[in-house]
Amino acid sequence: MLKPGDNLPEIQLPNQDGEIVSLHSLKGSPLVIYFYPKNNTPGCTAEACSFRDSYYDFTELGAKVIGISGDSVSSHKSVIVKRKLPFILLSDSDRKAEKAFGVKRNLFGMLPGRVTFIVDKTGHIVEVFSSASRPKAHITASLKSLTKISDA
């Protein structure tokens, strides 16, 4: 798995509207990139809604929030509309981002892990949080990490 000090991989994935997004094109501001197993599951919904509910705090720190899962573009669009998410979701149906970031799979290799990467504005990973059982904890940890790099 990528670790602090590593560079953001150059990955291009479709967003919820089917538009291709290059992660490198988002450099210039801090990024919170969170990988999650599956749309519309209890833990993933709680995590997405927690990022939504704290979205103002992230934008106040200049950060962009990006969710990534293997779900389809249309599934992402549905979740964004249903849950009123103000950030983008990227579809990693072929798992190239999961592999590039080194996100480990859980449950006998069937489900992608729940991992959040904090990336500084130059494209370097500064923190990594991994916890399948506590999705909301990623929000608090991410905000603390962003506060540290914005104060630096």
N, C-alpha and C. Protein backbone atom coordinates (compact mmCIF):
# COMPACT_ATOMS: atom_id res chain seq x y z
N MET A 1 0.86 -1.18 0.00
CA MET A 1 0.00 0.00 0.00
C MET A 1 0.90 1.23 0.00
N LEU A 2 0.41 2.30 -0.69
CA LEU A 2 1.15 3.55 -0.66
C LEU A 2 1.24 4.03 0.78
N LYS A 3 2.31 4.75 1.06
CA LYS A 3 2.54 5.24 2.41
C LYS A 3 2.96 6.70 2.35
N PRO A 4 2.98 7.38 3.51
CA PRO A 4 3.40 8.78 3.51
C PRO A 4 4.75 8.96 2.83
N GLY A 5 4.82 10.00 2.00
CA GLY A 5 6.01 10.28 1.22
C GLY A 5 5.92 9.81 -0.21
N ASP A 6 5.05 8.83 -0.49
CA ASP A 6 4.87 8.34 -1.86
C ASP A 6 4.12 9.38 -2.69
N ASN A 7 4.33 9.30 -4.00
CA ASN A 7 3.64 10.19 -4.94
C ASN A 7 2.25 9.66 -5.29
N LEU A 8 1.35 10.57 -5.55
CA LEU A 8 0.02 10.25 -6.03
C LEU A 8 0.15 9.55 -7.39
N PRO A 9 -0.42 8.36 -7.55
CA PRO A 9 -0.35 7.69 -8.85
C PRO A 9 -1.13 8.46 -9.91
N GLU A 10 -0.67 8.36 -11.15
CA GLU A 10 -1.40 8.99 -12.26
C GLU A 10 -2.47 8.01 -12.71
N ILE A 11 -3.68 8.28 -12.32
CA ILE A 11 -4.83 7.42 -12.63
C ILE A 11 -5.91 8.29 -13.27
N GLN A 12 -6.60 7.74 -14.24
CA GLN A 12 -7.75 8.40 -14.83
C GLN A 12 -8.94 7.47 -14.72
N LEU A 13 -10.02 8.00 -14.14
CA LEU A 13 -11.23 7.21 -13.91
C LEU A 13 -12.46 8.05 -14.26
N PRO A 14 -13.55 7.38 -14.66
CA PRO A 14 -14.78 8.13 -14.91
C PRO A 14 -15.49 8.52 -13.61
N ASN A 15 -16.02 9.73 -13.60
CA ASN A 15 -16.80 10.18 -12.44
C ASN A 15 -18.26 9.78 -12.62
N GLN A 16 -19.10 10.25 -11.74
CA GLN A 16 -20.52 9.89 -11.74
C GLN A 16 -21.26 10.35 -12.99
N ASP A 17 -20.66 11.27 -13.75
CA ASP A 17 -21.27 11.74 -15.00
C ASP A 17 -20.63 11.10 -16.22
N GLY A 18 -19.70 10.17 -16.00
CA GLY A 18 -19.01 9.51 -17.09
C GLY A 18 -17.84 10.29 -17.64
N GLU A 19 -17.52 11.44 -17.04
CA GLU A 19 -16.38 12.25 -17.48
C GLU A 19 -15.10 11.68 -16.88
N ILE A 20 -14.04 11.64 -17.67
CA ILE A 20 -12.77 11.12 -17.20
C ILE A 20 -12.07 12.17 -16.34
N VAL A 21 -11.67 11.74 -15.15
CA VAL A 21 -10.97 12.62 -14.21
C VAL A 21 -9.57 12.07 -13.98
N SER A 22 -8.58 12.93 -14.17
CA SER A 22 -7.19 12.58 -13.87
C SER A 22 -6.88 13.04 -12.46
N LEU A 23 -6.42 12.13 -11.61
CA LEU A 23 -6.07 12.53 -10.25
C LEU A 23 -4.99 13.61 -10.26
N HIS A 24 -4.06 13.52 -11.19
CA HIS A 24 -2.99 14.53 -11.26
C HIS A 24 -3.54 15.91 -11.59
N SER A 25 -4.65 15.98 -12.30
CA SER A 25 -5.23 17.29 -12.63
C SER A 25 -5.82 17.96 -11.39
N LEU A 26 -5.99 17.20 -10.31
CA LEU A 26 -6.56 17.75 -9.08
C LEU A 26 -5.48 18.25 -8.12
N LYS A 27 -4.21 18.02 -8.47
CA LYS A 27 -3.13 18.54 -7.63
C LYS A 27 -3.21 20.06 -7.59
N GLY A 28 -2.62 20.64 -6.56
CA GLY A 28 -2.69 22.08 -6.39
C GLY A 28 -3.49 22.44 -5.16
N SER A 29 -4.27 21.48 -4.71
CA SER A 29 -4.97 21.62 -3.42
C SER A 29 -4.90 20.25 -2.74
N PRO A 30 -5.03 20.23 -1.43
CA PRO A 30 -5.00 18.94 -0.73
C PRO A 30 -6.17 18.06 -1.20
N LEU A 31 -5.94 16.76 -1.18
CA LEU A 31 -6.95 15.80 -1.60
C LEU A 31 -7.21 14.79 -0.48
N VAL A 32 -8.46 14.44 -0.33
CA VAL A 32 -8.87 13.35 0.55
C VAL A 32 -9.47 12.30 -0.39
N ILE A 33 -8.72 11.23 -0.60
CA ILE A 33 -9.15 10.18 -1.52
C ILE A 33 -9.50 8.97 -0.67
N TYR A 34 -10.79 8.62 -0.69
CA TYR A 34 -11.19 7.48 0.13
C TYR A 34 -11.73 6.36 -0.74
N PHE A 35 -11.20 5.17 -0.49
CA PHE A 35 -11.64 3.95 -1.15
C PHE A 35 -12.65 3.28 -0.22
N TYR A 36 -13.72 2.79 -0.80
CA TYR A 36 -14.74 2.11 -0.01
C TYR A 36 -15.25 0.91 -0.78
N PRO A 37 -15.80 -0.08 -0.08
CA PRO A 37 -16.19 -1.33 -0.74
C PRO A 37 -17.34 -1.25 -1.73
N LYS A 38 -18.49 -0.66 -1.33
CA LYS A 38 -19.67 -0.79 -2.19
C LYS A 38 -20.72 0.26 -1.84
N ASN A 39 -21.32 0.83 -2.87
CA ASN A 39 -22.42 1.79 -2.68
C ASN A 39 -23.60 1.12 -1.97
N ASN A 40 -24.32 1.94 -1.22
CA ASN A 40 -25.59 1.55 -0.59
C ASN A 40 -25.48 0.44 0.44
N THR A 41 -24.29 0.27 1.01
CA THR A 41 -24.16 -0.65 2.14
C THR A 41 -24.12 0.22 3.40
N PRO A 42 -24.48 -0.31 4.55
CA PRO A 42 -24.57 0.54 5.75
C PRO A 42 -23.29 1.31 6.09
N GLY A 43 -22.15 0.63 6.12
CA GLY A 43 -20.90 1.30 6.46
C GLY A 43 -20.49 2.34 5.43
N CYS A 44 -20.65 2.00 4.16
CA CYS A 44 -20.25 2.93 3.09
C CYS A 44 -21.19 4.13 3.03
N THR A 45 -22.46 3.92 3.29
CA THR A 45 -23.41 5.03 3.32
C THR A 45 -23.08 5.95 4.50
N ALA A 46 -22.78 5.37 5.66
CA ALA A 46 -22.42 6.18 6.83
C ALA A 46 -21.17 7.00 6.55
N GLU A 47 -20.19 6.39 5.90
CA GLU A 47 -18.95 7.11 5.59
C GLU A 47 -19.21 8.25 4.61
N ALA A 48 -19.92 7.97 3.53
CA ALA A 48 -20.20 9.01 2.53
C ALA A 48 -20.99 10.16 3.14
N CYS A 49 -21.99 9.84 3.95
CA CYS A 49 -22.80 10.89 4.57
C CYS A 49 -21.99 11.68 5.60
N SER A 50 -21.04 11.03 6.26
CA SER A 50 -20.18 11.75 7.20
C SER A 50 -19.25 12.71 6.45
N PHE A 51 -18.71 12.27 5.31
CA PHE A 51 -17.92 13.20 4.49
C PHE A 51 -18.81 14.35 4.01
N ARG A 52 -20.03 14.04 3.61
CA ARG A 52 -20.97 15.08 3.18
C ARG A 52 -21.23 16.07 4.31
N ASP A 53 -21.52 15.56 5.49
CA ASP A 53 -21.87 16.42 6.62
C ASP A 53 -20.70 17.28 7.09
N SER A 54 -19.48 16.85 6.82
CA SER A 54 -18.28 17.61 7.18
C SER A 54 -17.66 18.31 5.98
N TYR A 55 -18.35 18.30 4.86
CA TYR A 55 -17.78 18.82 3.61
C TYR A 55 -17.31 20.28 3.76
N TYR A 56 -18.06 21.10 4.45
CA TYR A 56 -17.67 22.49 4.65
C TYR A 56 -16.32 22.58 5.35
N ASP A 57 -16.11 21.73 6.35
CA ASP A 57 -14.83 21.71 7.07
C ASP A 57 -13.68 21.36 6.13
N PHE A 58 -13.91 20.42 5.22
CA PHE A 58 -12.87 20.05 4.25
C PHE A 58 -12.58 21.21 3.30
N THR A 59 -13.62 21.84 2.79
CA THR A 59 -13.39 22.95 1.85
C THR A 59 -12.76 24.15 2.54
N GLU A 60 -13.06 24.35 3.82
CA GLU A 60 -12.41 25.43 4.58
C GLU A 60 -10.90 25.22 4.66
N LEU A 61 -10.48 23.96 4.63
CA LEU A 61 -9.05 23.63 4.65
C LEU A 61 -8.49 23.51 3.24
N GLY A 62 -9.29 23.87 2.23
CA GLY A 62 -8.85 23.86 0.84
C GLY A 62 -8.83 22.51 0.18
N ALA A 63 -9.40 21.50 0.83
CA ALA A 63 -9.31 20.13 0.32
C ALA A 63 -10.48 19.76 -0.59
N LYS A 64 -10.17 18.84 -1.50
CA LYS A 64 -11.18 18.20 -2.34
C LYS A 64 -11.35 16.77 -1.85
N VAL A 65 -12.60 16.33 -1.79
CA VAL A 65 -12.92 14.96 -1.37
C VAL A 65 -13.28 14.15 -2.59
N ILE A 66 -12.70 12.95 -2.69
CA ILE A 66 -12.96 12.06 -3.81
C ILE A 66 -13.20 10.66 -3.27
N GLY A 67 -14.33 10.07 -3.60
CA GLY A 67 -14.62 8.69 -3.23
C GLY A 67 -14.37 7.77 -4.41
N ILE A 68 -13.80 6.60 -4.16
CA ILE A 68 -13.51 5.63 -5.23
C ILE A 68 -14.00 4.25 -4.81
N SER A 69 -14.74 3.62 -5.70
CA SER A 69 -15.13 2.22 -5.51
C SER A 69 -15.28 1.58 -6.88
N GLY A 70 -15.47 0.28 -6.88
CA GLY A 70 -15.64 -0.45 -8.13
C GLY A 70 -17.04 -0.38 -8.71
N ASP A 71 -17.93 0.38 -8.06
CA ASP A 71 -19.29 0.51 -8.56
C ASP A 71 -19.32 1.25 -9.90
N SER A 72 -20.39 1.07 -10.63
CA SER A 72 -20.54 1.67 -11.95
C SER A 72 -20.79 3.18 -11.86
N VAL A 73 -20.60 3.84 -12.98
CA VAL A 73 -20.87 5.28 -13.09
C VAL A 73 -22.32 5.56 -12.71
N SER A 74 -23.26 4.76 -13.22
CA SER A 74 -24.67 5.01 -12.93
C SER A 74 -24.99 4.78 -11.45
N SER A 75 -24.35 3.81 -10.83
CA SER A 75 -24.54 3.59 -9.40
C SER A 75 -24.04 4.80 -8.61
N HIS A 76 -22.89 5.33 -9.00
CA HIS A 76 -22.35 6.53 -8.33
C HIS A 76 -23.30 7.71 -8.50
N LYS A 77 -23.83 7.88 -9.69
CA LYS A 77 -24.76 9.00 -9.94
C LYS A 77 -25.98 8.87 -9.03
N SER A 78 -26.50 7.68 -8.92
CA SER A 78 -27.66 7.43 -8.07
C SER A 78 -27.38 7.76 -6.61
N VAL A 79 -26.21 7.36 -6.11
CA VAL A 79 -25.84 7.63 -4.72
C VAL A 79 -25.67 9.12 -4.48
N ILE A 80 -25.05 9.81 -5.42
CA ILE A 80 -24.84 11.26 -5.27
C ILE A 80 -26.19 11.98 -5.18
N VAL A 81 -27.12 11.59 -6.03
CA VAL A 81 -28.43 12.23 -6.03
C VAL A 81 -29.19 11.87 -4.75
N LYS A 82 -29.23 10.59 -4.43
CA LYS A 82 -30.00 10.12 -3.27
C LYS A 82 -29.46 10.67 -1.95
N ARG A 83 -28.14 10.71 -1.81
CA ARG A 83 -27.51 11.13 -0.54
C ARG A 83 -27.06 12.60 -0.55
N LYS A 84 -27.30 13.29 -1.70
CA LYS A 84 -26.93 14.70 -1.83
C LYS A 84 -25.45 14.93 -1.51
N LEU A 85 -24.61 14.13 -2.15
CA LEU A 85 -23.17 14.24 -1.93
C LEU A 85 -22.60 15.40 -2.76
N PRO A 86 -21.81 16.29 -2.15
CA PRO A 86 -21.27 17.45 -2.86
C PRO A 86 -19.89 17.19 -3.47
N PHE A 87 -19.43 15.96 -3.47
CA PHE A 87 -18.10 15.64 -3.99
C PHE A 87 -18.22 14.55 -5.04
N ILE A 88 -17.12 14.32 -5.76
CA ILE A 88 -17.16 13.35 -6.85
C ILE A 88 -16.91 11.93 -6.35
N LEU A 89 -17.50 11.01 -7.07
CA LEU A 89 -17.23 9.59 -6.90
C LEU A 89 -16.66 9.08 -8.21
N LEU A 90 -15.60 8.29 -8.12
CA LEU A 90 -14.96 7.75 -9.30
C LEU A 90 -15.17 6.25 -9.37
N SER A 91 -15.42 5.76 -10.57
CA SER A 91 -15.68 4.35 -10.80
C SER A 91 -14.37 3.63 -11.16
N ASP A 92 -14.00 2.67 -10.34
CA ASP A 92 -12.77 1.89 -10.53
C ASP A 92 -13.14 0.45 -10.86
N SER A 93 -13.96 0.28 -11.88
CA SER A 93 -14.51 -1.05 -12.20
C SER A 93 -13.43 -2.06 -12.58
N ASP A 94 -12.31 -1.60 -13.11
CA ASP A 94 -11.25 -2.54 -13.47
C ASP A 94 -10.16 -2.63 -12.40
N ARG A 95 -10.36 -1.93 -11.27
CA ARG A 95 -9.49 -1.99 -10.09
C ARG A 95 -8.10 -1.40 -10.33
N LYS A 96 -7.93 -0.57 -11.35
CA LYS A 96 -6.59 -0.04 -11.57
C LYS A 96 -6.16 0.94 -10.49
N ALA A 97 -7.08 1.74 -9.95
CA ALA A 97 -6.73 2.65 -8.86
C ALA A 97 -6.47 1.85 -7.59
N GLU A 98 -7.32 0.88 -7.32
CA GLU A 98 -7.14 0.02 -6.14
C GLU A 98 -5.75 -0.61 -6.15
N LYS A 99 -5.32 -1.08 -7.30
CA LYS A 99 -4.00 -1.71 -7.42
C LYS A 99 -2.89 -0.67 -7.32
N ALA A 100 -3.05 0.48 -7.99
CA ALA A 100 -2.01 1.51 -7.97
C ALA A 100 -1.77 2.05 -6.56
N PHE A 101 -2.83 2.17 -5.78
CA PHE A 101 -2.71 2.65 -4.40
C PHE A 101 -2.34 1.52 -3.44
N GLY A 102 -2.48 0.28 -3.90
CA GLY A 102 -2.16 -0.87 -3.06
C GLY A 102 -3.20 -1.15 -1.99
N VAL A 103 -4.45 -0.83 -2.28
CA VAL A 103 -5.53 -1.06 -1.32
C VAL A 103 -5.77 -2.57 -1.22
N LYS A 104 -5.63 -3.07 -0.02
CA LYS A 104 -5.82 -4.51 0.22
C LYS A 104 -7.30 -4.86 0.22
N ARG A 105 -7.58 -6.08 -0.20
CA ARG A 105 -8.95 -6.57 -0.21
C ARG A 105 -9.23 -7.33 1.08
N ASN A 106 -10.48 -7.27 1.53
CA ASN A 106 -10.91 -7.94 2.77
C ASN A 106 -11.84 -9.10 2.44
N LEU A 107 -12.27 -9.78 3.47
CA LEU A 107 -13.25 -10.87 3.35
C LEU A 107 -12.83 -11.88 2.29
N PHE A 108 -11.68 -12.50 2.52
CA PHE A 108 -11.15 -13.52 1.62
C PHE A 108 -10.88 -12.98 0.21
N GLY A 109 -10.51 -11.71 0.13
CA GLY A 109 -10.17 -11.11 -1.15
C GLY A 109 -11.36 -10.70 -2.00
N MET A 110 -12.57 -10.73 -1.42
CA MET A 110 -13.76 -10.43 -2.20
C MET A 110 -14.11 -8.94 -2.22
N LEU A 111 -13.86 -8.25 -1.11
CA LEU A 111 -14.24 -6.84 -1.02
C LEU A 111 -13.02 -5.94 -0.91
N PRO A 112 -13.03 -4.81 -1.62
CA PRO A 112 -11.93 -3.87 -1.46
C PRO A 112 -11.94 -3.29 -0.04
N GLY A 113 -10.79 -2.89 0.43
CA GLY A 113 -10.69 -2.33 1.76
C GLY A 113 -11.23 -0.91 1.85
N ARG A 114 -11.31 -0.42 3.07
CA ARG A 114 -11.74 0.94 3.34
C ARG A 114 -10.47 1.70 3.76
N VAL A 115 -9.96 2.52 2.85
CA VAL A 115 -8.70 3.23 3.10
C VAL A 115 -8.86 4.67 2.63
N THR A 116 -8.34 5.60 3.44
CA THR A 116 -8.36 7.01 3.09
C THR A 116 -6.92 7.50 2.98
N PHE A 117 -6.64 8.20 1.88
CA PHE A 117 -5.32 8.78 1.64
C PHE A 117 -5.45 10.30 1.68
N ILE A 118 -4.59 10.95 2.45
CA ILE A 118 -4.52 12.40 2.47
C ILE A 118 -3.31 12.77 1.61
N VAL A 119 -3.54 13.63 0.63
CA VAL A 119 -2.51 14.03 -0.32
C VAL A 119 -2.32 15.53 -0.22
N ASP A 120 -1.07 15.97 -0.12
CA ASP A 120 -0.83 17.42 -0.05
C ASP A 120 -0.96 18.04 -1.44
N LYS A 121 -0.88 19.36 -1.52
CA LYS A 121 -1.12 20.04 -2.79
C LYS A 121 -0.05 19.75 -3.84
N THR A 122 1.10 19.20 -3.42
CA THR A 122 2.14 18.85 -4.40
C THR A 122 1.99 17.43 -4.92
N GLY A 123 1.03 16.67 -4.38
CA GLY A 123 0.79 15.31 -4.86
C GLY A 123 1.50 14.23 -4.08
N HIS A 124 1.91 14.54 -2.86
CA HIS A 124 2.55 13.54 -1.99
C HIS A 124 1.57 13.05 -0.94
N ILE A 125 1.57 11.74 -0.72
CA ILE A 125 0.75 11.15 0.32
C ILE A 125 1.32 11.61 1.67
N VAL A 126 0.46 12.13 2.55
CA VAL A 126 0.94 12.56 3.87
C VAL A 126 0.37 11.69 5.00
N GLU A 127 -0.76 11.06 4.79
CA GLU A 127 -1.36 10.18 5.80
C GLU A 127 -2.17 9.09 5.10
N VAL A 128 -2.27 7.95 5.77
CA VAL A 128 -3.09 6.85 5.28
C VAL A 128 -3.86 6.29 6.47
N PHE A 129 -5.17 6.15 6.31
CA PHE A 129 -6.03 5.59 7.36
C PHE A 129 -6.73 4.37 6.79
N SER A 130 -6.70 3.28 7.54
CA SER A 130 -7.34 2.05 7.10
C SER A 130 -8.14 1.46 8.26
N SER A 131 -9.44 1.31 8.06
CA SER A 131 -10.29 0.72 9.09
C SER A 131 -11.61 0.32 8.47
N ALA A 132 -11.83 -0.97 8.36
CA ALA A 132 -13.09 -1.45 7.79
C ALA A 132 -14.25 -1.29 8.76
N SER A 133 -13.96 -1.36 10.05
CA SER A 133 -15.03 -1.39 11.03
C SER A 133 -15.46 -0.01 11.54
N ARG A 134 -14.68 1.03 11.27
CA ARG A 134 -15.01 2.36 11.79
C ARG A 134 -14.96 3.40 10.67
N PRO A 135 -15.92 3.37 9.74
CA PRO A 135 -15.86 4.27 8.60
C PRO A 135 -15.90 5.75 8.97
N LYS A 136 -16.65 6.12 10.01
CA LYS A 136 -16.75 7.54 10.38
C LYS A 136 -15.44 8.08 10.95
N ALA A 137 -14.59 7.21 11.47
CA ALA A 137 -13.32 7.64 12.04
C ALA A 137 -12.41 8.27 10.99
N HIS A 138 -12.60 7.91 9.73
CA HIS A 138 -11.77 8.46 8.67
C HIS A 138 -11.98 9.97 8.51
N ILE A 139 -13.16 10.44 8.80
CA ILE A 139 -13.47 11.87 8.65
C ILE A 139 -12.68 12.67 9.69
N THR A 140 -12.77 12.28 10.94
CA THR A 140 -12.06 12.97 12.01
C THR A 140 -10.55 12.94 11.78
N ALA A 141 -10.03 11.77 11.44
CA ALA A 141 -8.59 11.64 11.20
C ALA A 141 -8.16 12.48 10.00
N SER A 142 -8.96 12.50 8.96
CA SER A 142 -8.63 13.29 7.77
C SER A 142 -8.58 14.78 8.08
N LEU A 143 -9.55 15.27 8.83
CA LEU A 143 -9.57 16.69 9.19
C LEU A 143 -8.36 17.06 10.04
N LYS A 144 -7.98 16.20 10.97
CA LYS A 144 -6.79 16.47 11.79
C LYS A 144 -5.54 16.54 10.92
N SER A 145 -5.41 15.63 9.98
CA SER A 145 -4.26 15.60 9.09
C SER A 145 -4.21 16.84 8.20
N LEU A 146 -5.35 17.22 7.67
CA LEU A 146 -5.42 18.42 6.82
C LEU A 146 -5.08 19.68 7.61
N THR A 147 -5.51 19.74 8.85
CA THR A 147 -5.19 20.89 9.71
C THR A 147 -3.68 20.98 9.89
N LYS A 148 -3.02 19.85 10.11
CA LYS A 148 -1.56 19.85 10.27
C LYS A 148 -0.86 20.39 9.03
N ILE A 149 -1.27 19.92 7.85
CA ILE A 149 -0.55 20.36 6.64
C ILE A 149 -0.92 21.79 6.25
N SER A 150 -2.10 22.25 6.64
CA SER A 150 -2.45 23.66 6.33
C SER A 150 -1.73 24.62 7.27
N ASP A 151 -1.36 24.13 8.48
CA ASP A 151 -0.62 24.96 9.43
C ASP A 151 0.86 24.98 9.13
N ALA A 152 1.33 23.99 8.34
CA ALA A 152 2.77 23.89 8.07
C ALA A 152 3.26 24.94 7.10
